[in-house]
C-alpha atoms as a PDB file:
ATOM      1  CA  MET A   1     150.422 211.601  97.860  1.00  0.00           C
ATOM      2  CA  THR A   2     152.937 210.389  95.302  1.00  0.00           C
ATOM      3  CA  LEU A   3     155.626 212.916  94.493  1.00  0.00           C
ATOM      4  CA  LEU A   4     157.502 211.088  91.803  1.00  0.00           C
ATOM      5  CA  ALA A   5     156.406 208.379  89.425  1.00  0.00           C
ATOM      6  CA  CYS A   6     158.824 206.732  87.047  1.00  0.00           C
ATOM      7  CA  SER A   7     157.948 204.048  84.589  1.00  0.00           C
ATOM      8  CA  GLY A   8     159.383 202.490  81.517  1.00  0.00           C
ATOM      9  CA  ALA A   9     157.373 200.275  79.220  1.00  0.00           C
ATOM     10  CA  TRP A  10     160.497 198.375  78.195  1.00  0.00           C
ATOM     11  CA  ALA A  11     161.437 197.662  81.796  1.00  0.00           C
ATOM     12  CA  GLY A  12     158.095 196.395  83.024  1.00  0.00           C
ATOM     13  CA  VAL A  13     158.605 198.337  86.254  1.00  0.00           C
ATOM     14  CA  GLN A  14     156.706 201.289  87.681  1.00  0.00           C
ATOM     15  CA  VAL A  15     158.169 202.959  90.773  1.00  0.00           C
ATOM     16  CA  ASN A  16     156.305 205.434  92.971  1.00  0.00           C
ATOM     17  CA  PHE A  17     157.708 207.260  95.982  1.00  0.00           C
ATOM     18  CA  GLU A  18     155.122 207.937  98.676  1.00  0.00           C
ATOM     19  CA  GLN A  19     155.765 211.161 100.634  1.00  0.00           C
ATOM     20  CA  PRO A  20     159.556 211.250 100.092  1.00  0.00           C
ATOM     21  CA  ASP A  21     159.879 214.449 102.128  1.00  0.00           C
ATOM     22  CA  LYS A  22     159.043 212.318 105.192  1.00  0.00           C
ATOM     23  CA  TYR A  23     161.594 209.567 104.539  1.00  0.00           C
ATOM     24  CA  THR A  24     163.987 208.673 107.337  1.00  0.00           C
ATOM     25  CA  ASP A  25     167.167 209.684 105.501  1.00  0.00           C
ATOM     26  CA  VAL A  26     167.351 211.236 102.063  1.00  0.00           C
ATOM     27  CA  PRO A  27     169.055 214.503 101.120  1.00  0.00           C
ATOM     28  CA  PHE A  28     167.350 217.607 102.446  1.00  0.00           C
ATOM     29  CA  SER A  29     167.591 219.679  99.279  1.00  0.00           C
ATOM     30  CA  THR A  30     165.014 218.913  96.607  1.00  0.00           C
ATOM     31  CA  PRO A  31     167.538 218.616  93.743  1.00  0.00           C
ATOM     32  CA  ASP A  32     169.716 216.144  95.684  1.00  0.00           C
ATOM     33  CA  ARG A  33     166.652 214.204  96.845  1.00  0.00           C
ATOM     34  CA  ASP A  34     165.458 213.954  93.230  1.00  0.00           C
ATOM     35  CA  VAL A  35     168.871 212.604  92.179  1.00  0.00           C
ATOM     36  CA  VAL A  36     168.638 209.880  94.841  1.00  0.00           C
ATOM     37  CA  LEU A  37     165.034 208.920  94.059  1.00  0.00           C
ATOM     38  CA  ASN A  38     165.620 208.931  90.306  1.00  0.00           C
ATOM     39  CA  GLY A  39     168.733 206.793  90.828  1.00  0.00           C
ATOM     40  CA  LEU A  40     166.745 204.266  92.864  1.00  0.00           C
ATOM     41  CA  ALA A  41     163.918 204.224  90.309  1.00  0.00           C
ATOM     42  CA  ASP A  42     166.409 203.744  87.463  1.00  0.00           C
ATOM     43  CA  HIS A  43     167.950 200.822  89.312  1.00  0.00           C
ATOM     44  CA  PHE A  44     164.592 199.102  89.861  1.00  0.00           C
ATOM     45  CA  GLN A  45     163.826 199.606  86.167  1.00  0.00           C
ATOM     46  CA  PHE A  46     167.218 198.230  85.182  1.00  0.00           C
ATOM     47  CA  LEU A  47     166.562 195.089  87.240  1.00  0.00           C
ATOM     48  CA  GLY A  48     163.077 194.843  85.752  1.00  0.00           C
ATOM     49  CA  LYS A  49     164.586 194.209  82.318  1.00  0.00           C
ATOM     50  CA  SER A  50     165.350 190.688  83.585  1.00  0.00           C
ATOM     51  CA  LEU A  51     161.696 189.895  84.316  1.00  0.00           C
ATOM     52  CA  PRO A  52     160.005 187.496  81.889  1.00  0.00           C
ATOM     53  CA  PRO A  53     158.236 189.214  78.969  1.00  0.00           C
ATOM     54  CA  GLY A  54     154.750 190.411  79.806  1.00  0.00           C
ATOM     55  CA  GLN A  55     155.339 190.797  83.530  1.00  0.00           C
ATOM     56  CA  GLN A  56     154.753 194.166  85.170  1.00  0.00           C
ATOM     57  CA  LEU A  57     156.223 195.049  88.557  1.00  0.00           C
ATOM     58  CA  LYS A  58     154.726 197.911  90.545  1.00  0.00           C
ATOM     59  CA  ILE A  59     156.764 199.209  93.461  1.00  0.00           C
ATOM     60  CA  GLU A  60     155.655 201.798  95.994  1.00  0.00           C
ATOM     61  CA  VAL A  61     158.549 202.955  98.162  1.00  0.00           C
ATOM     62  CA  THR A  62     157.320 204.115 101.571  1.00  0.00           C
ATOM     63  CA  ASP A  63     160.635 204.858 103.327  1.00  0.00           C
ATOM     64  CA  VAL A  64     164.340 205.177 102.559  1.00  0.00           C
ATOM     65  CA  ASP A  65     167.257 205.318 104.986  1.00  0.00           C
ATOM     66  CA  LEU A  66     170.520 205.705 103.068  1.00  0.00           C
ATOM     67  CA  ALA A  67     173.776 204.086 104.160  1.00  0.00           C
ATOM     68  CA  GLY A  68     175.716 206.208 106.642  1.00  0.00           C
ATOM     69  CA  ARG A  69     174.637 209.378 108.358  1.00  0.00           C
ATOM     70  CA  GLU A  70     174.941 212.926 107.156  1.00  0.00           C
ATOM     71  CA  ASP A  71     177.326 214.845 109.395  1.00  0.00           C
ATOM     72  CA  VAL A  72     175.496 218.146 109.915  1.00  0.00           C
ATOM     73  CA  THR A  73     178.491 219.662 111.720  1.00  0.00           C
ATOM     74  CA  ARG A  74     180.430 219.501 108.449  1.00  0.00           C
ATOM     75  CA  ARG A  75     177.648 220.688 106.171  1.00  0.00           C
ATOM     76  CA  GLY A  76     178.823 223.235 103.665  1.00  0.00           C
ATOM     77  CA  ALA A  77     179.318 223.053  99.941  1.00  0.00           C
ATOM     78  CA  PHE A  78     179.395 219.263 100.195  1.00  0.00           C
ATOM     79  CA  ALA A  79     177.185 216.873 102.119  1.00  0.00           C
ATOM     80  CA  ILE A  80     179.386 214.504 104.076  1.00  0.00           C
ATOM     81  CA  ARG A  81     178.111 211.036 104.971  1.00  0.00           C
ATOM     82  CA  VAL A  82     179.887 209.234 107.771  1.00  0.00           C
ATOM     83  CA  MET A  83     179.779 205.437 107.590  1.00  0.00           C
ATOM     84  CA  ASP A  84     180.775 203.451 110.645  1.00  0.00           C
ATOM     85  CA  GLY A  85     178.911 200.190 109.968  1.00  0.00           C
ATOM     86  CA  ARG A  86     177.248 200.086 113.378  1.00  0.00           C
ATOM     87  CA  THR A  87     173.677 201.373 113.132  1.00  0.00           C
ATOM     88  CA  ASP A  88     173.855 203.240 109.846  1.00  0.00           C
ATOM     89  CA  TRP A  89     173.164 200.454 107.353  1.00  0.00           C
ATOM     90  CA  PRO A  90     170.872 201.129 104.364  1.00  0.00           C
ATOM     91  CA  ARG A  91     167.156 200.349 104.748  1.00  0.00           C
ATOM     92  CA  MET A  92     164.079 200.643 102.597  1.00  0.00           C
ATOM     93  CA  ARG A  93     160.384 199.849 102.987  1.00  0.00           C
ATOM     94  CA  LEU A  94     158.194 199.140  99.996  1.00  0.00           C
ATOM     95  CA  ARG A  95     155.060 197.477  98.718  1.00  0.00           C
ATOM     96  CA  TYR A  96     155.137 195.553  95.467  1.00  0.00           C
ATOM     97  CA  THR A  97     152.854 193.764  93.047  1.00  0.00           C
ATOM     98  CA  LEU A  98     154.023 191.539  90.198  1.00  0.00           C
ATOM     99  CA  GLU A  99     151.391 191.037  87.501  1.00  0.00           C
ATOM    100  CA  GLN A 100     151.088 189.268  84.192  1.00  0.00           C
ATOM    101  CA  ASN A 101     148.113 189.838  81.895  1.00  0.00           C
ATOM    102  CA  GLY A 102     146.243 191.521  84.761  1.00  0.00           C
ATOM    103  CA  LYS A 103     146.733 188.552  87.103  1.00  0.00           C
ATOM    104  CA  VAL A 104     148.658 189.091  90.352  1.00  0.00           C
ATOM    105  CA  LEU A 105     151.560 186.642  90.568  1.00  0.00           C
ATOM    106  CA  ALA A 106     153.095 188.002  93.768  1.00  0.00           C
ATOM    107  CA  SER A 107     152.586 190.914  96.121  1.00  0.00           C
ATOM    108  CA  GLY A 108     153.570 192.027  99.564  1.00  0.00           C
ATOM    109  CA  ASN A 109     155.354 194.425 101.851  1.00  0.00           C
ATOM    110  CA  ALA A 110     159.133 194.290 102.034  1.00  0.00           C
ATOM    111  CA  TYR A 111     161.653 195.644 104.497  1.00  0.00           C
ATOM    112  CA  LEU A 112     165.096 195.729 102.908  1.00  0.00           C
ATOM    113  CA  SER A 113     168.262 196.199 104.957  1.00  0.00           C
ATOM    114  CA  ASP A 114     171.945 195.315 104.745  1.00  0.00           C
ATOM    115  CA  MET A 115     173.625 195.348 108.145  1.00  0.00           C
ATOM    116  CA  SER A 116     176.947 194.178 106.711  1.00  0.00           C
ATOM    117  CA  TYR A 117     177.105 196.719 103.901  1.00  0.00           C
ATOM    118  CA  LEU A 118     180.699 197.780 104.678  1.00  0.00           C
ATOM    119  CA  GLN A 119     182.037 194.213 104.956  1.00  0.00           C
ATOM    120  CA  ARG A 120     180.784 192.979 101.583  1.00  0.00           C
ATOM    121  CA  ILE A 121     182.563 193.034  98.275  1.00  0.00           C
ATOM    122  CA  GLY A 122     180.321 195.281  96.249  1.00  0.00           C
ATOM    123  CA  ARG A 123     179.373 195.038  92.601  1.00  0.00           C
ATOM    124  CA  TYR A 124     179.232 198.781  92.207  1.00  0.00           C
ATOM    125  CA  SER A 125     181.955 201.379  91.856  1.00  0.00           C
ATOM    126  CA  SER A 126     182.993 203.498  94.825  1.00  0.00           C
ATOM    127  CA  ASN A 127     182.038 206.451  92.594  1.00  0.00           C
ATOM    128  CA  ASP A 128     178.371 205.396  92.737  1.00  0.00           C
ATOM    129  CA  SER A 129     176.676 207.317  95.555  1.00  0.00           C
ATOM    130  CA  LEU A 130     173.987 204.617  95.833  1.00  0.00           C
ATOM    131  CA  ARG A 131     176.252 201.549  95.626  1.00  0.00           C
ATOM    132  CA  PHE A 132     175.176 200.158  99.014  1.00  0.00           C
ATOM    133  CA  GLU A 133     171.470 200.694  98.353  1.00  0.00           C
ATOM    134  CA  LYS A 134     171.760 199.105  94.891  1.00  0.00           C
ATOM    135  CA  GLN A 135     173.445 196.008  96.319  1.00  0.00           C
ATOM    136  CA  MET A 136     170.644 195.721  98.885  1.00  0.00           C
ATOM    137  CA  ILE A 137     167.988 196.057  96.154  1.00  0.00           C
ATOM    138  CA  ASP A 138     169.819 193.445  94.032  1.00  0.00           C
ATOM    139  CA  ASP A 139     169.658 191.005  96.961  1.00  0.00           C
ATOM    140  CA  TRP A 140     165.937 191.622  97.447  1.00  0.00           C
ATOM    141  CA  PHE A 141     165.228 191.258  93.739  1.00  0.00           C
ATOM    142  CA  ARG A 142     167.165 187.965  93.587  1.00  0.00           C
ATOM    143  CA  ASN A 143     165.514 186.574  96.739  1.00  0.00           C
ATOM    144  CA  THR A 144     161.997 187.699  95.823  1.00  0.00           C
ATOM    145  CA  PHE A 145     161.873 187.030  92.073  1.00  0.00           C
ATOM    146  CA  ASN A 146     164.712 184.492  91.728  1.00  0.00           C
ATOM    147  CA  ILE A 147     166.425 186.650  89.130  1.00  0.00           C
ATOM    148  CA  LYS A 148     170.113 187.462  89.345  1.00  0.00           C
ATOM    149  CA  PRO A 149     170.950 190.964  88.114  1.00  0.00           C
ATOM    150  CA  LYS A 150     172.761 191.061  84.774  1.00  0.00           C
ATOM    151  CA  GLY A 151     175.246 193.895  84.604  1.00  0.00           C
ATOM    152  CA  ARG A 152     174.963 197.131  86.551  1.00  0.00           C
ATOM    153  CA  SER A 153     172.739 200.173  86.345  1.00  0.00           C
ATOM    154  CA  LYS A 154     174.344 203.500  85.571  1.00  0.00           C
ATOM    155  CA  PRO A 155     176.161 205.040  88.537  1.00  0.00           C
ATOM    156  CA  VAL A 156     174.682 207.940  90.470  1.00  0.00           C
ATOM    157  CA  VAL A 157     177.619 210.324  90.654  1.00  0.00           C
ATOM    158  CA  SER A 158     175.955 213.713  90.505  1.00  0.00           C
ATOM    159  CA  LEU A 159     175.505 213.984  94.270  1.00  0.00           C
ATOM    160  CA  GLN A 160     178.234 216.246  95.546  1.00  0.00           C
ATOM    161  CA  GLN A 161     179.218 214.220  98.539  1.00  0.00           C
ATOM    162  CA  ARG A 162     182.334 212.939 100.161  1.00  0.00           C
ATOM    163  CA  GLU A 163     182.231 209.984 102.492  1.00  0.00           C
ATOM    164  CA  VAL A 164     184.185 209.343 105.648  1.00  0.00           C
ATOM    165  CA  GLN A 165     184.328 205.798 106.928  1.00  0.00           C
ATOM    166  CA  GLY A 166     184.932 204.827 110.527  1.00  0.00           C
ATOM    167  CA  ARG A 167     185.394 208.028 112.472  1.00  0.00           C
END
């Protein structure tokens, strides 16, 4: 049921992706999909470094819808994502549990989305393929755990994609 599990003892975060081949919008090819999922997991783990010592966050991602839409008419050597800011904002569904010493401090289901993703000043470089999703996750992490991200996670630049905004 879980395709990919990433965890880091130093980060206090364990991320699982439930049936990623059924997600709303992730790359079709397995290598590109793995790049996206690993990038998201790395970002959650990066944010987890700001949790108080001894806390463990478990996240189960149940759906991902990346910013923009892949333009299948232009598919070739590069995947092209068209971003118009209308109905193509990034979204994610997940379940989470925050524990300390085996005691549950917080848990729940979360629906993350950022309808104004193209109008915001982003923290992440335009070279980061997941910059809009990372900003959305930062907002959720700040609102849910009251922790402001310190710094930025490493950019995901290995996806071979070009983006076209506002066709």
